[in-house]
Amino acid sequence: MTDIIGYILITIGILFDIFGCIGLVRFPDVYNRLQASTKCVTLGTILLLIGVAVISGLGPTCAKAIICAVFIMITSPTAAHAIAKGAYASGVKLWEYSVVDKYSEKEGS
């Protein structure tokens, strides 16, 4: 039964990773691409690692998978934020149909 749950988690994780890759290709600007890829790929990779941990049972592989999942949960959103802030600071324009620009609101006040 745990193998089935693990394989289901791995399959869902792969689907989220695929959706993140599609968003990376399809979205119009850096900021939309970062959001799509970061959220989907972070969740997908964490689900993959949890699936591996469930399948492998308690042991070194499970511990490594959980440690990697925690590391990805912390570093991926942090890196995406730093990349987005750096892109904005270097003058990369938002997509022409973007509705809100929170950074310019902070700079203007």
PDB file of N, CA and C in Angstrom:
ATOM      1  N   MET A   1       0.809  -1.200   0.000  1.00  0.00           N
ATOM      2  CA  MET A   1       0.000   0.000   0.000  1.00  0.00           C
ATOM      3  C   MET A   1       0.853   1.265   0.000  1.00  0.00           C
ATOM      4  N   THR A   2       1.963   1.232   0.759  1.00  0.00           N
ATOM      5  CA  THR A   2       2.830   2.417   0.777  1.00  0.00           C
ATOM      6  C   THR A   2       3.496   2.643  -0.579  1.00  0.00           C
ATOM      7  N   ASP A   3       3.762   1.550  -1.302  1.00  0.00           N
ATOM      8  CA  ASP A   3       4.338   1.719  -2.637  1.00  0.00           C
ATOM      9  C   ASP A   3       3.374   2.450  -3.559  1.00  0.00           C
ATOM     10  N   ILE A   4       2.108   2.118  -3.470  1.00  0.00           N
ATOM     11  CA  ILE A   4       1.108   2.776  -4.325  1.00  0.00           C
ATOM     12  C   ILE A   4       1.028   4.265  -3.987  1.00  0.00           C
ATOM     13  N   ILE A   5       1.005   4.594  -2.703  1.00  0.00           N
ATOM     14  CA  ILE A   5       0.966   5.999  -2.295  1.00  0.00           C
ATOM     15  C   ILE A   5       2.223   6.723  -2.774  1.00  0.00           C
ATOM     16  N   GLY A   6       3.368   6.078  -2.634  1.00  0.00           N
ATOM     17  CA  GLY A   6       4.620   6.678  -3.096  1.00  0.00           C
ATOM     18  C   GLY A   6       4.610   6.929  -4.594  1.00  0.00           C
ATOM     19  N   TYR A   7       4.122   5.959  -5.371  1.00  0.00           N
ATOM     20  CA  TYR A   7       4.079   6.145  -6.823  1.00  0.00           C
ATOM     21  C   TYR A   7       3.074   7.216  -7.230  1.00  0.00           C
ATOM     22  N   ILE A   8       1.980   7.329  -6.483  1.00  0.00           N
ATOM     23  CA  ILE A   8       1.011   8.394  -6.758  1.00  0.00           C
ATOM     24  C   ILE A   8       1.645   9.763  -6.492  1.00  0.00           C
ATOM     25  N   LEU A   9       2.372   9.892  -5.383  1.00  0.00           N
ATOM     26  CA  LEU A   9       3.057  11.149  -5.075  1.00  0.00           C
ATOM     27  C   LEU A   9       4.096  11.489  -6.141  1.00  0.00           C
ATOM     28  N   ILE A  10       4.832  10.478  -6.589  1.00  0.00           N
ATOM     29  CA  ILE A  10       5.833  10.710  -7.625  1.00  0.00           C
ATOM     30  C   ILE A  10       5.169  11.142  -8.932  1.00  0.00           C
ATOM     31  N   THR A  11       4.059  10.523  -9.287  1.00  0.00           N
ATOM     32  CA  THR A  11       3.353  10.893 -10.511  1.00  0.00           C
ATOM     33  C   THR A  11       2.824  12.322 -10.432  1.00  0.00           C
ATOM     34  N   ILE A  12       2.234  12.690  -9.302  1.00  0.00           N
ATOM     35  CA  ILE A  12       1.744  14.056  -9.139  1.00  0.00           C
ATOM     36  C   ILE A  12       2.905  15.046  -9.179  1.00  0.00           C
ATOM     37  N   GLY A  13       4.022  14.684  -8.566  1.00  0.00           N
ATOM     38  CA  GLY A  13       5.207  15.540  -8.605  1.00  0.00           C
ATOM     39  C   GLY A  13       5.725  15.745 -10.016  1.00  0.00           C
ATOM     40  N   ILE A  14       5.746  14.679 -10.804  1.00  0.00           N
ATOM     41  CA  ILE A  14       6.182  14.796 -12.196  1.00  0.00           C
ATOM     42  C   ILE A  14       5.237  15.704 -12.977  1.00  0.00           C
ATOM     43  N   LEU A  15       3.939  15.573 -12.730  1.00  0.00           N
ATOM     44  CA  LEU A  15       2.974  16.445 -13.417  1.00  0.00           C
ATOM     45  C   LEU A  15       3.199  17.915 -13.058  1.00  0.00           C
ATOM     46  N   PHE A  16       3.426  18.208 -11.798  1.00  0.00           N
ATOM     47  CA  PHE A  16       3.701  19.589 -11.407  1.00  0.00           C
ATOM     48  C   PHE A  16       4.993  20.097 -12.044  1.00  0.00           C
ATOM     49  N   ASP A  17       6.010  19.254 -12.115  1.00  0.00           N
ATOM     50  CA  ASP A  17       7.252  19.656 -12.774  1.00  0.00           C
ATOM     51  C   ASP A  17       7.026  19.946 -14.250  1.00  0.00           C
ATOM     52  N   ILE A  18       6.221  19.127 -14.902  1.00  0.00           N
ATOM     53  CA  ILE A  18       5.912  19.351 -16.323  1.00  0.00           C
ATOM     54  C   ILE A  18       5.145  20.663 -16.490  1.00  0.00           C
ATOM     55  N   PHE A  19       4.159  20.916 -15.615  1.00  0.00           N
ATOM     56  CA  PHE A  19       3.400  22.168 -15.709  1.00  0.00           C
ATOM     57  C   PHE A  19       4.307  23.376 -15.487  1.00  0.00           C
ATOM     58  N   GLY A  20       5.253  23.252 -14.576  1.00  0.00           N
ATOM     59  CA  GLY A  20       6.207  24.336 -14.354  1.00  0.00           C
ATOM     60  C   GLY A  20       7.079  24.588 -15.568  1.00  0.00           C
ATOM     61  N   CYS A  21       7.489  23.528 -16.233  1.00  0.00           N
ATOM     62  CA  CYS A  21       8.298  23.681 -17.453  1.00  0.00           C
ATOM     63  C   CYS A  21       7.479  24.298 -18.581  1.00  0.00           C
ATOM     64  N   ILE A  22       6.218  23.913 -18.687  1.00  0.00           N
ATOM     65  CA  ILE A  22       5.348  24.511 -19.702  1.00  0.00           C
ATOM     66  C   ILE A  22       5.157  26.003 -19.404  1.00  0.00           C
ATOM     67  N   GLY A  23       4.967  26.356 -18.152  1.00  0.00           N
ATOM     68  CA  GLY A  23       4.847  27.758 -17.778  1.00  0.00           C
ATOM     69  C   GLY A  23       6.111  28.536 -18.067  1.00  0.00           C
ATOM     70  N   LEU A  24       7.244  27.899 -17.888  1.00  0.00           N
ATOM     71  CA  LEU A  24       8.525  28.544 -18.174  1.00  0.00           C
ATOM     72  C   LEU A  24       8.645  28.889 -19.653  1.00  0.00           C
ATOM     73  N   VAL A  25       8.099  28.057 -20.501  1.00  0.00           N
ATOM     74  CA  VAL A  25       8.176  28.288 -21.944  1.00  0.00           C
ATOM     75  C   VAL A  25       7.065  29.226 -22.422  1.00  0.00           C
ATOM     76  N   ARG A  26       5.877  29.112 -21.851  1.00  0.00           N
ATOM     77  CA  ARG A  26       4.705  29.798 -22.398  1.00  0.00           C
ATOM     78  C   ARG A  26       4.479  31.214 -21.877  1.00  0.00           C
ATOM     79  N   PHE A  27       4.915  31.522 -20.666  1.00  0.00           N
ATOM     80  CA  PHE A  27       4.594  32.824 -20.109  1.00  0.00           C
ATOM     81  C   PHE A  27       5.446  33.925 -20.721  1.00  0.00           C
ATOM     82  N   PRO A  28       4.942  35.172 -20.719  1.00  0.00           N
ATOM     83  CA  PRO A  28       5.535  36.215 -21.541  1.00  0.00           C
ATOM     84  C   PRO A  28       6.776  36.914 -20.981  1.00  0.00           C
ATOM     85  N   ASP A  29       6.912  37.053 -19.686  1.00  0.00           N
ATOM     86  CA  ASP A  29       8.063  37.799 -19.178  1.00  0.00           C
ATOM     87  C   ASP A  29       8.745  37.059 -18.034  1.00  0.00           C
ATOM     88  N   VAL A  30       9.844  37.619 -17.600  1.00  0.00           N
ATOM     89  CA  VAL A  30      10.689  36.987 -16.579  1.00  0.00           C
ATOM     90  C   VAL A  30       9.911  36.739 -15.290  1.00  0.00           C
ATOM     91  N   TYR A  31       9.114  37.690 -14.900  1.00  0.00           N
ATOM     92  CA  TYR A  31       8.435  37.612 -13.609  1.00  0.00           C
ATOM     93  C   TYR A  31       7.352  36.525 -13.602  1.00  0.00           C
ATOM     94  N   ASN A  32       6.577  36.444 -14.668  1.00  0.00           N
ATOM     95  CA  ASN A  32       5.571  35.378 -14.770  1.00  0.00           C
ATOM     96  C   ASN A  32       6.238  34.013 -14.865  1.00  0.00           C
ATOM     97  N   ARG A  33       7.316  33.942 -15.612  1.00  0.00           N
ATOM     98  CA  ARG A  33       8.032  32.665 -15.742  1.00  0.00           C
ATOM     99  C   ARG A  33       8.617  32.220 -14.415  1.00  0.00           C
ATOM    100  N   LEU A  34       9.169  33.163 -13.680  1.00  0.00           N
ATOM    101  CA  LEU A  34       9.724  32.818 -12.366  1.00  0.00           C
ATOM    102  C   LEU A  34       8.649  32.288 -11.426  1.00  0.00           C
ATOM    103  N   GLN A  35       7.500  32.942 -11.430  1.00  0.00           N
ATOM    104  CA  GLN A  35       6.449  32.500 -10.524  1.00  0.00           C
ATOM    105  C   GLN A  35       5.962  31.104 -10.889  1.00  0.00           C
ATOM    106  N   ALA A  36       5.725  30.880 -12.179  1.00  0.00           N
ATOM    107  CA  ALA A  36       5.218  29.570 -12.604  1.00  0.00           C
ATOM    108  C   ALA A  36       6.231  28.472 -12.313  1.00  0.00           C
ATOM    109  N   SER A  37       7.455  28.723 -12.698  1.00  0.00           N
ATOM    110  CA  SER A  37       8.449  27.666 -12.521  1.00  0.00           C
ATOM    111  C   SER A  37       8.767  27.432 -11.052  1.00  0.00           C
ATOM    112  N   THR A  38       8.851  28.485 -10.264  1.00  0.00           N
ATOM    113  CA  THR A  38       9.203  28.306  -8.852  1.00  0.00           C
ATOM    114  C   THR A  38       8.114  27.564  -8.088  1.00  0.00           C
ATOM    115  N   LYS A  39       6.876  27.995  -8.235  1.00  0.00           N
ATOM    116  CA  LYS A  39       5.814  27.350  -7.461  1.00  0.00           C
ATOM    117  C   LYS A  39       5.590  25.912  -7.895  1.00  0.00           C
ATOM    118  N   CYS A  40       5.469  25.696  -9.188  1.00  0.00           N
ATOM    119  CA  CYS A  40       5.183  24.336  -9.662  1.00  0.00           C
ATOM    120  C   CYS A  40       6.357  23.396  -9.431  1.00  0.00           C
ATOM    121  N   VAL A  41       7.545  23.842  -9.777  1.00  0.00           N
ATOM    122  CA  VAL A  41       8.696  22.946  -9.666  1.00  0.00           C
ATOM    123  C   VAL A  41       9.048  22.685  -8.204  1.00  0.00           C
ATOM    124  N   THR A  42       8.888  23.664  -7.349  1.00  0.00           N
ATOM    125  CA  THR A  42       9.141  23.429  -5.923  1.00  0.00           C
ATOM    126  C   THR A  42       8.180  22.379  -5.382  1.00  0.00           C
ATOM    127  N   LEU A  43       6.896  22.567  -5.634  1.00  0.00           N
ATOM    128  CA  LEU A  43       5.910  21.594  -5.150  1.00  0.00           C
ATOM    129  C   LEU A  43       6.133  20.230  -5.794  1.00  0.00           C
ATOM    130  N   GLY A  44       6.387  20.206  -7.096  1.00  0.00           N
ATOM    131  CA  GLY A  44       6.596  18.932  -7.790  1.00  0.00           C
ATOM    132  C   GLY A  44       7.805  18.179  -7.278  1.00  0.00           C
ATOM    133  N   THR A  45       8.896  18.882  -7.072  1.00  0.00           N
ATOM    134  CA  THR A  45      10.106  18.221  -6.593  1.00  0.00           C
ATOM    135  C   THR A  45       9.941  17.735  -5.166  1.00  0.00           C
ATOM    136  N   ILE A  46       9.265  18.517  -4.343  1.00  0.00           N
ATOM    137  CA  ILE A  46       9.024  18.077  -2.964  1.00  0.00           C
ATOM    138  C   ILE A  46       8.128  16.843  -2.949  1.00  0.00           C
ATOM    139  N   LEU A  47       7.096  16.819  -3.797  1.00  0.00           N
ATOM    140  CA  LEU A  47       6.249  15.628  -3.869  1.00  0.00           C
ATOM    141  C   LEU A  47       7.035  14.413  -4.357  1.00  0.00           C
ATOM    142  N   LEU A  48       7.914  14.620  -5.321  1.00  0.00           N
ATOM    143  CA  LEU A  48       8.776  13.518  -5.774  1.00  0.00           C
ATOM    144  C   LEU A  48       9.618  12.968  -4.624  1.00  0.00           C
ATOM    145  N   LEU A  49      10.228  13.870  -3.889  1.00  0.00           N
ATOM    146  CA  LEU A  49      11.088  13.426  -2.790  1.00  0.00           C
ATOM    147  C   LEU A  49      10.294  12.757  -1.672  1.00  0.00           C
ATOM    148  N   ILE A  50       9.098  13.256  -1.393  1.00  0.00           N
ATOM    149  CA  ILE A  50       8.265  12.596  -0.381  1.00  0.00           C
ATOM    150  C   ILE A  50       7.849  11.216  -0.871  1.00  0.00           C
ATOM    151  N   GLY A  51       7.542  11.092  -2.168  1.00  0.00           N
ATOM    152  CA  GLY A  51       7.218   9.783  -2.733  1.00  0.00           C
ATOM    153  C   GLY A  51       8.375   8.807  -2.604  1.00  0.00           C
ATOM    154  N   VAL A  52       9.579   9.284  -2.860  1.00  0.00           N
ATOM    155  CA  VAL A  52      10.765   8.433  -2.692  1.00  0.00           C
ATOM    156  C   VAL A  52      10.928   8.025  -1.236  1.00  0.00           C
ATOM    157  N   ALA A  53      10.691   8.984  -0.324  1.00  0.00           N
ATOM    158  CA  ALA A  53      10.809   8.673   1.107  1.00  0.00           C
ATOM    159  C   ALA A  53       9.780   7.637   1.532  1.00  0.00           C
ATOM    160  N   VAL A  54       8.560   7.732   0.995  1.00  0.00           N
ATOM    161  CA  VAL A  54       7.512   6.775   1.352  1.00  0.00           C
ATOM    162  C   VAL A  54       7.855   5.387   0.815  1.00  0.00           C
ATOM    163  N   ILE A  55       8.339   5.325  -0.418  1.00  0.00           N
ATOM    164  CA  ILE A  55       8.662   4.033  -1.023  1.00  0.00           C
ATOM    165  C   ILE A  55       9.858   3.370  -0.342  1.00  0.00           C
ATOM    166  N   SER A  56      10.867   4.176  -0.012  1.00  0.00           N
ATOM    167  CA  SER A  56      12.096   3.593   0.539  1.00  0.00           C
ATOM    168  C   SER A  56      11.938   3.158   1.998  1.00  0.00           C
ATOM    169  N   GLY A  57      10.938   3.662   2.692  1.00  0.00           N
ATOM    170  CA  GLY A  57      10.777   3.310   4.102  1.00  0.00           C
ATOM    171  C   GLY A  57      11.783   4.056   4.959  1.00  0.00           C
ATOM    172  N   LEU A  58      11.775   3.768   6.245  1.00  0.00           N
ATOM    173  CA  LEU A  58      12.718   4.436   7.138  1.00  0.00           C
ATOM    174  C   LEU A  58      14.128   3.946   6.855  1.00  0.00           C
ATOM    175  N   GLY A  59      15.023   4.900   6.722  1.00  0.00           N
ATOM    176  CA  GLY A  59      16.405   4.549   6.442  1.00  0.00           C
ATOM    177  C   GLY A  59      17.144   5.749   5.875  1.00  0.00           C
ATOM    178  N   PRO A  60      18.346   5.513   5.390  1.00  0.00           N
ATOM    179  CA  PRO A  60      19.152   6.632   4.908  1.00  0.00           C
ATOM    180  C   PRO A  60      18.561   7.330   3.676  1.00  0.00           C
ATOM    181  N   THR A  61      17.938   6.585   2.785  1.00  0.00           N
ATOM    182  CA  THR A  61      17.349   7.198   1.594  1.00  0.00           C
ATOM    183  C   THR A  61      16.193   8.114   1.978  1.00  0.00           C
ATOM    184  N   CYS A  62      15.392   7.686   2.912  1.00  0.00           N
ATOM    185  CA  CYS A  62      14.279   8.503   3.405  1.00  0.00           C
ATOM    186  C   CYS A  62      14.803   9.782   4.056  1.00  0.00           C
ATOM    187  N   ALA A  63      15.813   9.669   4.863  1.00  0.00           N
ATOM    188  CA  ALA A  63      16.385  10.834   5.536  1.00  0.00           C
ATOM    189  C   ALA A  63      16.959  11.824   4.529  1.00  0.00           C
ATOM    190  N   LYS A  64      17.668  11.319   3.535  1.00  0.00           N
ATOM    191  CA  LYS A  64      18.237  12.194   2.504  1.00  0.00           C
ATOM    192  C   LYS A  64      17.147  12.881   1.695  1.00  0.00           C
ATOM    193  N   ALA A  65      16.080  12.160   1.382  1.00  0.00           N
ATOM    194  CA  ALA A  65      14.988  12.746   0.616  1.00  0.00           C
ATOM    195  C   ALA A  65      14.305  13.867   1.400  1.00  0.00           C
ATOM    196  N   ILE A  66      14.100  13.654   2.685  1.00  0.00           N
ATOM    197  CA  ILE A  66      13.451  14.677   3.505  1.00  0.00           C
ATOM    198  C   ILE A  66      14.362  15.891   3.683  1.00  0.00           C
ATOM    199  N   ILE A  67      15.647  15.662   3.878  1.00  0.00           N
ATOM    200  CA  ILE A  67      16.589  16.774   3.996  1.00  0.00           C
ATOM    201  C   ILE A  67      16.618  17.584   2.703  1.00  0.00           C
ATOM    202  N   CYS A  68      16.634  16.905   1.568  1.00  0.00           N
ATOM    203  CA  CYS A  68      16.623  17.601   0.276  1.00  0.00           C
ATOM    204  C   CYS A  68      15.322  18.373   0.080  1.00  0.00           C
ATOM    205  N   ALA A  69      14.191  17.818   0.497  1.00  0.00           N
ATOM    206  CA  ALA A  69      12.911  18.503   0.363  1.00  0.00           C
ATOM    207  C   ALA A  69      12.888  19.789   1.193  1.00  0.00           C
ATOM    208  N   VAL A  70      13.397  19.726   2.407  1.00  0.00           N
ATOM    209  CA  VAL A  70      13.456  20.917   3.261  1.00  0.00           C
ATOM    210  C   VAL A  70      14.382  21.962   2.633  1.00  0.00           C
ATOM    211  N   PHE A  71      15.522  21.527   2.116  1.00  0.00           N
ATOM    212  CA  PHE A  71      16.467  22.436   1.479  1.00  0.00           C
ATOM    213  C   PHE A  71      15.827  23.120   0.278  1.00  0.00           C
ATOM    214  N   ILE A  72      15.117  22.376  -0.548  1.00  0.00           N
ATOM    215  CA  ILE A  72      14.456  22.950  -1.722  1.00  0.00           C
ATOM    216  C   ILE A  72      13.341  23.897  -1.308  1.00  0.00           C
ATOM    217  N   MET A  73      12.610  23.548  -0.251  1.00  0.00           N
ATOM    218  CA  MET A  73      11.523  24.399   0.220  1.00  0.00           C
ATOM    219  C   MET A  73      12.042  25.756   0.688  1.00  0.00           C
ATOM    220  N   ILE A  74      13.247  25.796   1.210  1.00  0.00           N
ATOM    221  CA  ILE A  74      13.816  27.048   1.698  1.00  0.00           C
ATOM    222  C   ILE A  74      14.509  27.823   0.573  1.00  0.00           C
ATOM    223  N   THR A  75      15.299  27.148  -0.230  1.00  0.00           N
ATOM    224  CA  THR A  75      16.149  27.848  -1.186  1.00  0.00           C
ATOM    225  C   THR A  75      15.449  28.257  -2.477  1.00  0.00           C
ATOM    226  N   SER A  76      14.508  27.484  -2.958  1.00  0.00           N
ATOM    227  CA  SER A  76      13.895  27.794  -4.246  1.00  0.00           C
ATOM    228  C   SER A  76      13.105  29.107  -4.222  1.00  0.00           C
ATOM    229  N   PRO A  77      12.205  29.329  -3.280  1.00  0.00           N
ATOM    230  CA  PRO A  77      11.512  30.628  -3.259  1.00  0.00           C
ATOM    231  C   PRO A  77      12.455  31.800  -2.971  1.00  0.00           C
ATOM    232  N   THR A  78      13.461  31.564  -2.135  1.00  0.00           N
ATOM    233  CA  THR A  78      14.420  32.625  -1.838  1.00  0.00           C
ATOM    234  C   THR A  78      15.205  33.019  -3.082  1.00  0.00           C
ATOM    235  N   ALA A  79      15.645  32.039  -3.846  1.00  0.00           N
ATOM    236  CA  ALA A  79      16.378  32.318  -5.077  1.00  0.00           C
ATOM    237  C   ALA A  79      15.496  33.014  -6.104  1.00  0.00           C
ATOM    238  N   ALA A  80      14.245  32.598  -6.227  1.00  0.00           N
ATOM    239  CA  ALA A  80      13.333  33.229  -7.177  1.00  0.00           C
ATOM    240  C   ALA A  80      13.084  34.689  -6.805  1.00  0.00           C
ATOM    241  N   HIS A  81      12.943  34.952  -5.520  1.00  0.00           N
ATOM    242  CA  HIS A  81      12.758  36.335  -5.076  1.00  0.00           C
ATOM    243  C   HIS A  81      13.987  37.179  -5.402  1.00  0.00           C
ATOM    244  N   ALA A  82      15.164  36.642  -5.153  1.00  0.00           N
ATOM    245  CA  ALA A  82      16.396  37.377  -5.445  1.00  0.00           C
ATOM    246  C   ALA A  82      16.546  37.632  -6.948  1.00  0.00           C
ATOM    247  N   ILE A  83      16.203  36.649  -7.770  1.00  0.00           N
ATOM    248  CA  ILE A  83      16.292  36.820  -9.218  1.00  0.00           C
ATOM    249  C   ILE A  83      15.294  37.877  -9.691  1.00  0.00           C
ATOM    250  N   ALA A  84      14.062  37.831  -9.174  1.00  0.00           N
ATOM    251  CA  ALA A  84      13.055  38.810  -9.573  1.00  0.00           C
ATOM    252  C   ALA A  84      13.447  40.220  -9.139  1.00  0.00           C
ATOM    253  N   LYS A  85      13.938  40.353  -7.939  1.00  0.00           N
ATOM    254  CA  LYS A  85      14.350  41.671  -7.461  1.00  0.00           C
ATOM    255  C   LYS A  85      15.549  42.190  -8.250  1.00  0.00           C
ATOM    256  N   GLY A  86      16.485  41.305  -8.591  1.00  0.00           N
ATOM    257  CA  GLY A  86      17.624  41.702  -9.407  1.00  0.00           C
ATOM    258  C   GLY A  86      17.218  42.080 -10.823  1.00  0.00           C
ATOM    259  N   ALA A  87      16.272  41.353 -11.387  1.00  0.00           N
ATOM    260  CA  ALA A  87      15.781  41.679 -12.729  1.00  0.00           C
ATOM    261  C   ALA A  87      15.097  43.035 -12.719  1.00  0.00           C
ATOM    262  N   TYR A  88      14.307  43.306 -11.690  1.00  0.00           N
ATOM    263  CA  TYR A  88      13.617  44.586 -11.607  1.00  0.00           C
ATOM    264  C   TYR A  88      14.614  45.721 -11.412  1.00  0.00           C
ATOM    265  N   ALA A  89      15.602  45.511 -10.562  1.00  0.00           N
ATOM    266  CA  ALA A  89      16.601  46.551 -10.305  1.00  0.00           C
ATOM    267  C   ALA A  89      17.451  46.844 -11.535  1.00  0.00           C
ATOM    268  N   SER A  90      17.643  45.824 -12.388  1.00  0.00           N
ATOM    269  CA  SER A  90      18.459  46.048 -13.591  1.00  0.00           C
ATOM    270  C   SER A  90      17.642  46.597 -14.750  1.00  0.00           C
ATOM    271  N   GLY A  91      16.336  46.793 -14.540  1.00  0.00           N
ATOM    272  CA  GLY A  91      15.528  47.453 -15.550  1.00  0.00           C
ATOM    273  C   GLY A  91      14.747  46.550 -16.482  1.00  0.00           C
ATOM    274  N   VAL A  92      14.627  45.279 -16.168  1.00  0.00           N
ATOM    275  CA  VAL A  92      13.824  44.388 -17.007  1.00  0.00           C
ATOM    276  C   VAL A  92      12.357  44.788 -16.854  1.00  0.00           C
ATOM    277  N   LYS A  93      11.727  45.101 -17.980  1.00  0.00           N
ATOM    278  CA  LYS A  93      10.347  45.601 -17.959  1.00  0.00           C
ATOM    279  C   LYS A  93       9.352  44.477 -17.723  1.00  0.00           C
ATOM    280  N   LEU A  94       8.235  44.849 -17.096  1.00  0.00           N
ATOM    281  CA  LEU A  94       7.132  43.921 -16.929  1.00  0.00           C
ATOM    282  C   LEU A  94       6.434  43.744 -18.270  1.00  0.00           C
ATOM    283  N   TRP A  95       5.651  42.701 -18.372  1.00  0.00           N
ATOM    284  CA  TRP A  95       4.844  42.456 -19.554  1.00  0.00           C
ATOM    285  C   TRP A  95       3.890  43.631 -19.727  1.00  0.00           C
ATOM    286  N   GLU A  96       3.599  44.016 -20.951  1.00  0.00           N
ATOM    287  CA  GLU A  96       2.791  45.210 -21.195  1.00  0.00           C
ATOM    288  C   GLU A  96       1.376  45.119 -20.623  1.00  0.00           C
ATOM    289  N   TYR A  97       0.860  43.915 -20.428  1.00  0.00           N
ATOM    290  CA  TYR A  97      -0.480  43.749 -19.860  1.00  0.00           C
ATOM    291  C   TYR A  97      -0.469  43.457 -18.362  1.00  0.00           C
ATOM    292  N   SER A  98       0.666  43.629 -17.717  1.00  0.00           N
ATOM    293  CA  SER A  98       0.722  43.448 -16.263  1.00  0.00           C
ATOM    294  C   SER A  98      -0.119  44.520 -15.589  1.00  0.00           C
ATOM    295  N   VAL A  99      -0.809  44.148 -14.540  1.00  0.00           N
ATOM    296  CA  VAL A  99      -1.766  45.051 -13.906  1.00  0.00           C
ATOM    297  C   VAL A  99      -1.142  45.796 -12.726  1.00  0.00           C
ATOM    298  N   VAL A 100      -0.354  45.119 -11.907  1.00  0.00           N
ATOM    299  CA  VAL A 100       0.151  45.707 -10.673  1.00  0.00           C
ATOM    300  C   VAL A 100       1.669  45.646 -10.659  1.00  0.00           C
ATOM    301  N   ASP A 101       2.291  46.739 -10.187  1.00  0.00           N
ATOM    302  CA  ASP A 101       3.738  46.792 -10.004  1.00  0.00           C
ATOM    303  C   ASP A 101       4.009  47.262  -8.571  1.00  0.00           C
ATOM    304  N   LYS A 102       4.110  46.307  -7.654  1.00  0.00           N
ATOM    305  CA  LYS A 102       4.266  46.635  -6.231  1.00  0.00           C
ATOM    306  C   LYS A 102       5.604  47.299  -5.931  1.00  0.00           C
ATOM    307  N   TYR A 103       6.657  46.972  -6.666  1.00  0.00           N
ATOM    308  CA  TYR A 103       7.952  47.581  -6.403  1.00  0.00           C
ATOM    309  C   TYR A 103       7.930  49.079  -6.701  1.00  0.00           C
ATOM    310  N   SER A 104       7.272  49.484  -7.775  1.00  0.00           N
ATOM    311  CA  SER A 104       7.232  50.906  -8.087  1.00  0.00           C
ATOM    312  C   SER A 104       6.376  51.654  -7.076  1.00  0.00           C
ATOM    313  N   GLU A 105       5.359  50.990  -6.520  1.00  0.00           N
ATOM    314  CA  GLU A 105       4.548  51.630  -5.482  1.00  0.00           C
ATOM    315  C   GLU A 105       5.383  51.885  -4.224  1.00  0.00           C
ATOM    316  N   LYS A 106       6.287  50.956  -3.892  1.00  0.00           N
ATOM    317  CA  LYS A 106       7.144  51.132  -2.705  1.00  0.00           C
ATOM    318  C   LYS A 106       8.171  52.232  -2.940  1.00  0.00           C
ATOM    319  N   GLU A 107       8.731  52.301  -4.167  1.00  0.00           N
ATOM    320  CA  GLU A 107       9.741  53.313  -4.469  1.00  0.00           C
ATOM    321  C   GLU A 107       9.142  54.709  -4.522  1.00  0.00           C
ATOM    322  N   GLY A 108       7.868  54.813  -4.945  1.00  0.00           N
ATOM    323  CA  GLY A 108       7.223  56.115  -5.094  1.00  0.00           C
ATOM    324  C   GLY A 108       6.777  56.719  -3.779  1.00  0.00           C
ATOM    325  N   SER A 109       6.615  55.925  -2.746  1.00  0.00           N
ATOM    326  CA  SER A 109       6.104  56.475  -1.477  1.00  0.00           C
ATOM    327  C   SER A 109       7.170  56.936  -0.546  1.00  0.00           C
TER     328      SER A 109
END
